[in-house]
C-alpha atoms as a PDB file:
ATOM      1  CA  UNK A   1      -6.412  12.701 -19.846  1.00  0.00           C
ATOM      2  CA  UNK A   2      -9.466  10.730 -21.013  1.00  0.00           C
ATOM      3  CA  UNK A   3     -10.908  10.809 -17.502  1.00  0.00           C
ATOM      4  CA  UNK A   4     -10.115  14.482 -17.028  1.00  0.00           C
ATOM      5  CA  UNK A   5     -11.743  15.316 -20.354  1.00  0.00           C
ATOM      6  CA  UNK A   6     -14.928  13.503 -19.323  1.00  0.00           C
ATOM      7  CA  UNK A   7     -14.787  11.014 -22.194  1.00  0.00           C
ATOM      8  CA  UNK A   8     -15.362   8.182 -19.717  1.00  0.00           C
ATOM      9  CA  UNK A   9     -16.207   7.879 -16.027  1.00  0.00           C
ATOM     10  CA  UNK A  10     -14.106   4.880 -15.009  1.00  0.00           C
ATOM     11  CA  UNK A  11     -11.057   3.104 -16.361  1.00  0.00           C
ATOM     12  CA  UNK A  12      -9.728  -0.362 -15.575  1.00  0.00           C
ATOM     13  CA  UNK A  13      -5.953  -0.172 -15.900  1.00  0.00           C
ATOM     14  CA  UNK A  14      -4.079  -3.466 -15.985  1.00  0.00           C
ATOM     15  CA  UNK A  15      -0.559  -4.732 -16.621  1.00  0.00           C
ATOM     16  CA  UNK A  16       0.897  -8.222 -16.839  1.00  0.00           C
ATOM     17  CA  UNK A  17       4.299  -9.769 -17.393  1.00  0.00           C
ATOM     18  CA  UNK A  18       5.260 -13.366 -18.121  1.00  0.00           C
ATOM     19  CA  UNK A  19       8.886 -14.089 -18.971  1.00  0.00           C
ATOM     20  CA  UNK A  20      10.038 -17.384 -17.542  1.00  0.00           C
ATOM     21  CA  UNK A  21      10.947 -18.972 -20.859  1.00  0.00           C
ATOM     22  CA  UNK A  22      14.410 -20.418 -21.368  1.00  0.00           C
ATOM     23  CA  UNK A  23      15.175 -17.966 -24.180  1.00  0.00           C
ATOM     24  CA  UNK A  24      14.566 -15.010 -21.839  1.00  0.00           C
ATOM     25  CA  UNK A  25      16.953 -16.416 -19.228  1.00  0.00           C
ATOM     26  CA  UNK A  26      19.619 -17.147 -21.835  1.00  0.00           C
ATOM     27  CA  UNK A  27      19.378 -13.620 -23.221  1.00  0.00           C
ATOM     28  CA  UNK A  28      19.564 -12.003 -19.781  1.00  0.00           C
ATOM     29  CA  UNK A  29      22.481 -14.221 -18.753  1.00  0.00           C
ATOM     30  CA  UNK A  30      24.394 -13.387 -21.939  1.00  0.00           C
ATOM     31  CA  UNK A  31      24.125  -9.698 -21.040  1.00  0.00           C
ATOM     32  CA  UNK A  32      25.251 -10.297 -17.425  1.00  0.00           C
ATOM     33  CA  UNK A  33      21.909  -9.072 -16.091  1.00  0.00           C
ATOM     34  CA  UNK A  34      21.300 -12.014 -13.741  1.00  0.00           C
ATOM     35  CA  UNK A  35      23.071 -12.415 -10.358  1.00  0.00           C
ATOM     36  CA  UNK A  36      26.110 -14.673 -10.316  1.00  0.00           C
ATOM     37  CA  UNK A  37      25.157 -16.156  -6.944  1.00  0.00           C
ATOM     38  CA  UNK A  38      22.735 -15.290  -4.159  1.00  0.00           C
ATOM     39  CA  UNK A  39      20.475 -12.403  -5.189  1.00  0.00           C
ATOM     40  CA  UNK A  40      20.342  -9.266  -3.067  1.00  0.00           C
ATOM     41  CA  UNK A  41      18.090  -6.228  -2.911  1.00  0.00           C
ATOM     42  CA  UNK A  42      18.602  -3.835  -5.868  1.00  0.00           C
ATOM     43  CA  UNK A  43      19.870  -1.078  -3.581  1.00  0.00           C
ATOM     44  CA  UNK A  44      22.212  -3.355  -1.623  1.00  0.00           C
ATOM     45  CA  UNK A  45      25.969  -3.097  -2.129  1.00  0.00           C
ATOM     46  CA  UNK A  46      26.134  -6.793  -3.038  1.00  0.00           C
ATOM     47  CA  UNK A  47      23.590  -6.659  -5.871  1.00  0.00           C
ATOM     48  CA  UNK A  48      25.010  -7.837  -9.187  1.00  0.00           C
ATOM     49  CA  UNK A  49      21.908  -8.648 -11.214  1.00  0.00           C
ATOM     50  CA  UNK A  50      18.125  -8.884 -11.047  1.00  0.00           C
ATOM     51  CA  UNK A  51      15.763 -11.741 -10.285  1.00  0.00           C
ATOM     52  CA  UNK A  52      13.179 -12.109 -13.071  1.00  0.00           C
ATOM     53  CA  UNK A  53       9.624 -11.921 -11.801  1.00  0.00           C
ATOM     54  CA  UNK A  54       6.147 -12.395 -13.210  1.00  0.00           C
ATOM     55  CA  UNK A  55       2.847 -10.885 -12.217  1.00  0.00           C
ATOM     56  CA  UNK A  56      -0.314  -9.021 -13.041  1.00  0.00           C
ATOM     57  CA  UNK A  57      -1.865  -5.966 -11.421  1.00  0.00           C
ATOM     58  CA  UNK A  58      -5.133  -4.099 -11.894  1.00  0.00           C
ATOM     59  CA  UNK A  59      -6.364  -0.755 -10.587  1.00  0.00           C
ATOM     60  CA  UNK A  60      -9.585   1.171 -11.130  1.00  0.00           C
ATOM     61  CA  UNK A  61      -9.260   4.871 -11.945  1.00  0.00           C
ATOM     62  CA  UNK A  62     -11.988   7.442 -11.402  1.00  0.00           C
ATOM     63  CA  UNK A  63     -12.173  11.180 -11.047  1.00  0.00           C
ATOM     64  CA  UNK A  64     -11.797  12.127  -7.388  1.00  0.00           C
ATOM     65  CA  UNK A  65     -15.146  13.927  -7.228  1.00  0.00           C
ATOM     66  CA  UNK A  66     -16.923  10.888  -8.686  1.00  0.00           C
ATOM     67  CA  UNK A  67     -15.213   8.466  -6.278  1.00  0.00           C
ATOM     68  CA  UNK A  68     -16.188  10.664  -3.327  1.00  0.00           C
ATOM     69  CA  UNK A  69     -19.743  10.945  -4.592  1.00  0.00           C
ATOM     70  CA  UNK A  70     -20.042   7.172  -5.028  1.00  0.00           C
ATOM     71  CA  UNK A  71     -18.634   6.397  -1.595  1.00  0.00           C
ATOM     72  CA  UNK A  72     -15.660   4.463  -2.987  1.00  0.00           C
ATOM     73  CA  UNK A  73     -12.686   3.595  -0.846  1.00  0.00           C
ATOM     74  CA  UNK A  74      -9.882   5.781  -2.215  1.00  0.00           C
ATOM     75  CA  UNK A  75      -6.422   4.256  -1.947  1.00  0.00           C
ATOM     76  CA  UNK A  76      -4.444   6.902  -3.833  1.00  0.00           C
ATOM     77  CA  UNK A  77      -4.949  10.235  -5.560  1.00  0.00           C
ATOM     78  CA  UNK A  78      -2.839  10.698  -8.697  1.00  0.00           C
ATOM     79  CA  UNK A  79      -1.859  14.348  -8.696  1.00  0.00           C
ATOM     80  CA  UNK A  80       0.861  14.698 -11.296  1.00  0.00           C
ATOM     81  CA  UNK A  81       2.760  12.882 -14.013  1.00  0.00           C
ATOM     82  CA  UNK A  82       6.029  13.437 -15.815  1.00  0.00           C
ATOM     83  CA  UNK A  83       7.795  11.714 -18.699  1.00  0.00           C
ATOM     84  CA  UNK A  84      11.067  12.174 -20.542  1.00  0.00           C
ATOM     85  CA  UNK A  85      13.271  10.309 -22.992  1.00  0.00           C
ATOM     86  CA  UNK A  86      16.848  11.417 -23.614  1.00  0.00           C
ATOM     87  CA  UNK A  87      20.168   9.693 -24.256  1.00  0.00           C
ATOM     88  CA  UNK A  88      20.925   9.847 -20.514  1.00  0.00           C
ATOM     89  CA  UNK A  89      18.823   7.876 -18.001  1.00  0.00           C
ATOM     90  CA  UNK A  90      19.856  10.270 -15.237  1.00  0.00           C
ATOM     91  CA  UNK A  91      18.651  13.249 -17.274  1.00  0.00           C
ATOM     92  CA  UNK A  92      15.439  11.492 -18.298  1.00  0.00           C
ATOM     93  CA  UNK A  93      14.514  10.576 -14.723  1.00  0.00           C
ATOM     94  CA  UNK A  94      15.398  14.066 -13.504  1.00  0.00           C
ATOM     95  CA  UNK A  95      13.208  15.694 -16.141  1.00  0.00           C
ATOM     96  CA  UNK A  96      10.295  13.391 -15.331  1.00  0.00           C
ATOM     97  CA  UNK A  97      10.562  14.140 -11.604  1.00  0.00           C
ATOM     98  CA  UNK A  98      10.577  17.903 -12.190  1.00  0.00           C
ATOM     99  CA  UNK A  99       7.589  17.737 -14.540  1.00  0.00           C
ATOM    100  CA  UNK A 100       5.575  15.587 -12.145  1.00  0.00           C
ATOM    101  CA  UNK A 101       6.212  18.030  -9.292  1.00  0.00           C
ATOM    102  CA  UNK A 102       5.208  20.957 -11.476  1.00  0.00           C
ATOM    103  CA  UNK A 103       1.971  19.333 -12.576  1.00  0.00           C
ATOM    104  CA  UNK A 104       1.117  18.290  -9.024  1.00  0.00           C
ATOM    105  CA  UNK A 105       2.076  21.745  -7.751  1.00  0.00           C
ATOM    106  CA  UNK A 106       4.190  20.364  -4.915  1.00  0.00           C
ATOM    107  CA  UNK A 107       7.738  20.907  -3.619  1.00  0.00           C
ATOM    108  CA  UNK A 108      10.295  18.074  -3.446  1.00  0.00           C
ATOM    109  CA  UNK A 109      10.471  18.506   0.315  1.00  0.00           C
ATOM    110  CA  UNK A 110       6.795  17.574   0.654  1.00  0.00           C
ATOM    111  CA  UNK A 111       7.285  14.056  -0.715  1.00  0.00           C
ATOM    112  CA  UNK A 112       7.489  11.398   2.009  1.00  0.00           C
ATOM    113  CA  UNK A 113       8.561   8.399  -0.072  1.00  0.00           C
ATOM    114  CA  UNK A 114       9.913   7.494  -3.518  1.00  0.00           C
ATOM    115  CA  UNK A 115       9.584   4.049  -5.047  1.00  0.00           C
ATOM    116  CA  UNK A 116      12.366   3.507  -7.551  1.00  0.00           C
ATOM    117  CA  UNK A 117      12.559   1.302 -10.614  1.00  0.00           C
ATOM    118  CA  UNK A 118      15.863  -0.170  -9.389  1.00  0.00           C
ATOM    119  CA  UNK A 119      16.242  -3.804 -10.415  1.00  0.00           C
ATOM    120  CA  UNK A 120      19.702  -4.877  -9.253  1.00  0.00           C
ATOM    121  CA  UNK A 121      21.934  -3.805 -12.136  1.00  0.00           C
ATOM    122  CA  UNK A 122      24.246  -1.202 -10.521  1.00  0.00           C
ATOM    123  CA  UNK A 123      25.229   0.545 -13.771  1.00  0.00           C
ATOM    124  CA  UNK A 124      21.549   1.317 -14.432  1.00  0.00           C
ATOM    125  CA  UNK A 125      20.287   1.799 -10.887  1.00  0.00           C
ATOM    126  CA  UNK A 126      23.058   4.260 -10.046  1.00  0.00           C
ATOM    127  CA  UNK A 127      21.847   6.691 -12.704  1.00  0.00           C
ATOM    128  CA  UNK A 128      18.300   6.635 -11.361  1.00  0.00           C
ATOM    129  CA  UNK A 129      19.407   7.123  -7.753  1.00  0.00           C
ATOM    130  CA  UNK A 130      21.632  10.035  -8.802  1.00  0.00           C
ATOM    131  CA  UNK A 131      18.655  11.675 -10.518  1.00  0.00           C
ATOM    132  CA  UNK A 132      16.535  11.236  -7.388  1.00  0.00           C
ATOM    133  CA  UNK A 133      19.279  12.762  -5.247  1.00  0.00           C
ATOM    134  CA  UNK A 134      19.535  15.658  -7.713  1.00  0.00           C
ATOM    135  CA  UNK A 135      15.787  16.276  -7.682  1.00  0.00           C
ATOM    136  CA  UNK A 136      15.260  16.049  -3.953  1.00  0.00           C
ATOM    137  CA  UNK A 137      18.584  17.434  -2.774  1.00  0.00           C
ATOM    138  CA  UNK A 138      17.394  20.987  -3.409  1.00  0.00           C
ATOM    139  CA  UNK A 139      14.572  20.670  -0.862  1.00  0.00           C
ATOM    140  CA  UNK A 140      14.371  21.883   2.722  1.00  0.00           C
ATOM    141  CA  UNK A 141      13.754  18.338   3.939  1.00  0.00           C
ATOM    142  CA  UNK A 142      14.461  17.694   7.624  1.00  0.00           C
ATOM    143  CA  UNK A 143      15.067  13.937   7.218  1.00  0.00           C
ATOM    144  CA  UNK A 144      16.507  11.899   4.327  1.00  0.00           C
ATOM    145  CA  UNK A 145      13.919  10.690   1.823  1.00  0.00           C
ATOM    146  CA  UNK A 146      13.092   6.959   2.103  1.00  0.00           C
ATOM    147  CA  UNK A 147      13.507   5.097  -1.204  1.00  0.00           C
ATOM    148  CA  UNK A 148      12.501   1.538  -2.033  1.00  0.00           C
ATOM    149  CA  UNK A 149      12.354  -0.926  -4.906  1.00  0.00           C
ATOM    150  CA  UNK A 150       9.620  -3.506  -5.424  1.00  0.00           C
ATOM    151  CA  UNK A 151      12.085  -5.754  -7.270  1.00  0.00           C
ATOM    152  CA  UNK A 152      13.537  -6.493  -3.841  1.00  0.00           C
ATOM    153  CA  UNK A 153      10.296  -8.224  -2.847  1.00  0.00           C
ATOM    154  CA  UNK A 154       9.056  -9.997  -5.983  1.00  0.00           C
ATOM    155  CA  UNK A 155      11.771  -9.598  -8.593  1.00  0.00           C
ATOM    156  CA  UNK A 156      11.863  -7.399 -11.677  1.00  0.00           C
ATOM    157  CA  UNK A 157       8.466  -7.716 -13.349  1.00  0.00           C
ATOM    158  CA  UNK A 158       9.210  -5.858 -16.577  1.00  0.00           C
ATOM    159  CA  UNK A 159       6.220  -3.978 -17.943  1.00  0.00           C
ATOM    160  CA  UNK A 160       4.235  -4.661 -14.764  1.00  0.00           C
ATOM    161  CA  UNK A 161       6.842  -3.101 -12.462  1.00  0.00           C
ATOM    162  CA  UNK A 162       5.324   0.383 -12.498  1.00  0.00           C
ATOM    163  CA  UNK A 163       1.900  -0.926 -11.509  1.00  0.00           C
ATOM    164  CA  UNK A 164       3.443  -3.088  -8.798  1.00  0.00           C
ATOM    165  CA  UNK A 165       5.192   0.006  -7.427  1.00  0.00           C
ATOM    166  CA  UNK A 166       1.861   1.850  -7.407  1.00  0.00           C
ATOM    167  CA  UNK A 167       0.244  -0.875  -5.306  1.00  0.00           C
ATOM    168  CA  UNK A 168       3.234  -1.052  -2.966  1.00  0.00           C
ATOM    169  CA  UNK A 169       3.167   2.697  -2.399  1.00  0.00           C
ATOM    170  CA  UNK A 170      -0.576   2.574  -1.683  1.00  0.00           C
ATOM    171  CA  UNK A 171       0.084   0.052   1.081  1.00  0.00           C
ATOM    172  CA  UNK A 172       3.010   2.046   2.477  1.00  0.00           C
ATOM    173  CA  UNK A 173       0.973   5.250   2.672  1.00  0.00           C
ATOM    174  CA  UNK A 174      -1.866   3.358   4.343  1.00  0.00           C
ATOM    175  CA  UNK A 175       0.571   1.947   6.939  1.00  0.00           C
ATOM    176  CA  UNK A 176       2.397   5.310   7.256  1.00  0.00           C
ATOM    177  CA  UNK A 177       5.707   3.477   6.908  1.00  0.00           C
ATOM    178  CA  UNK A 178       7.812   1.923   4.206  1.00  0.00           C
ATOM    179  CA  UNK A 179       7.452  -1.761   3.443  1.00  0.00           C
ATOM    180  CA  UNK A 180      10.452  -3.731   4.788  1.00  0.00           C
ATOM    181  CA  UNK A 181      12.882  -4.624   2.001  1.00  0.00           C
ATOM    182  CA  UNK A 182      14.289  -8.131   2.324  1.00  0.00           C
ATOM    183  CA  UNK A 183      18.019  -8.726   1.767  1.00  0.00           C
ATOM    184  CA  UNK A 184      18.860  -5.036   2.076  1.00  0.00           C
ATOM    185  CA  UNK A 185      21.512  -4.858   4.768  1.00  0.00           C
ATOM    186  CA  UNK A 186      24.226  -2.627   3.349  1.00  0.00           C
ATOM    187  CA  UNK A 187      23.161   0.208   1.018  1.00  0.00           C
ATOM    188  CA  UNK A 188      25.123   0.428  -2.222  1.00  0.00           C
ATOM    189  CA  UNK A 189      27.822   3.104  -2.446  1.00  0.00           C
ATOM    190  CA  UNK A 190      25.724   5.091  -4.917  1.00  0.00           C
ATOM    191  CA  UNK A 191      22.990   5.258  -2.267  1.00  0.00           C
ATOM    192  CA  UNK A 192      25.243   5.840   0.740  1.00  0.00           C
ATOM    193  CA  UNK A 193      27.012   8.783  -0.903  1.00  0.00           C
ATOM    194  CA  UNK A 194      23.674  10.632  -0.903  1.00  0.00           C
ATOM    195  CA  UNK A 195      22.715   9.671   2.666  1.00  0.00           C
ATOM    196  CA  UNK A 196      22.011  13.302   3.539  1.00  0.00           C
ATOM    197  CA  UNK A 197      19.247  13.295   0.883  1.00  0.00           C
ATOM    198  CA  UNK A 198      17.956   9.707   0.632  1.00  0.00           C
ATOM    199  CA  UNK A 199      17.903   6.598   2.804  1.00  0.00           C
ATOM    200  CA  UNK A 200      17.361   2.916   2.070  1.00  0.00           C
ATOM    201  CA  UNK A 201      16.998   0.382   4.867  1.00  0.00           C
ATOM    202  CA  UNK A 202      15.868  -3.202   5.273  1.00  0.00           C
ATOM    203  CA  UNK A 203      13.470  -2.380   8.074  1.00  0.00           C
ATOM    204  CA  UNK A 204      10.324  -0.274   7.958  1.00  0.00           C
ATOM    205  CA  UNK A 205      10.877   3.497   8.044  1.00  0.00           C
ATOM    206  CA  UNK A 206       8.121   5.754   9.481  1.00  0.00           C
ATOM    207  CA  UNK A 207       6.866   8.284   6.944  1.00  0.00           C
ATOM    208  CA  UNK A 208       6.938  11.958   7.870  1.00  0.00           C
ATOM    209  CA  UNK A 209       4.127  14.253   6.771  1.00  0.00           C
ATOM    210  CA  UNK A 210       5.391  17.562   5.374  1.00  0.00           C
ATOM    211  CA  UNK A 211       2.731  18.433   2.816  1.00  0.00           C
ATOM    212  CA  UNK A 212       1.246  21.269   4.838  1.00  0.00           C
ATOM    213  CA  UNK A 213      -2.240  19.737   5.037  1.00  0.00           C
ATOM    214  CA  UNK A 214      -1.465  16.371   6.627  1.00  0.00           C
ATOM    215  CA  UNK A 215      -1.506  14.499   3.315  1.00  0.00           C
ATOM    216  CA  UNK A 216       1.160  11.891   2.650  1.00  0.00           C
ATOM    217  CA  UNK A 217       2.749  12.342  -0.766  1.00  0.00           C
ATOM    218  CA  UNK A 218       4.866   9.810  -2.650  1.00  0.00           C
ATOM    219  CA  UNK A 219       6.692   9.587  -5.945  1.00  0.00           C
ATOM    220  CA  UNK A 220       6.931   6.548  -8.218  1.00  0.00           C
ATOM    221  CA  UNK A 221       9.594   6.031 -10.873  1.00  0.00           C
ATOM    222  CA  UNK A 222       8.992   3.643 -13.744  1.00  0.00           C
ATOM    223  CA  UNK A 223      11.319   3.066 -16.671  1.00  0.00           C
ATOM    224  CA  UNK A 224      10.762   1.189 -19.908  1.00  0.00           C
ATOM    225  CA  UNK A 225      12.902  -1.818 -20.780  1.00  0.00           C
END
């Protein structure tokens, strides 16, 4: 909003997460949030906890007209945002998806990829995936929507996870395919039951353009811990 209002011309947006202290591990283990054995991808049927991760990410935000004028390399255009907070995670995610689509003035069927906030805790991840299936199941999509989770590559990075997802999506759109997700061999039941709407696979999935003007569109989910 600050950029759109003209109060500044460029913003440096950064996020960082450091949580490798013993107390953090003890707390997560006491809540059964960590895997009991070998970790698997958050959307894999064998996932039973998340791998803690650390990291930092930085992006530079400018108005599109200014970036074009200055000859900047443009990695992504942020077209719409949505937020919601209710007692139900499924309802909150669904509301946020609808609001983002409305602000961006796009249809669910135009989106080529969704990066989820899934971390490897089935009771939580299932609610998010159900909301995604609800939001995109009403579209006239010809192929199931590819979904991914950055926690499958570098672990769950807490408050940095949303920024990590942004960078991952930028790379995927540039490559016109999803980034391969390691240790995802068998999609979880809560993913497989919506296979007519969404798809998750370990290998790269080509992205289909259905925006009407050749533009690849993607959605990013981020939830607060």
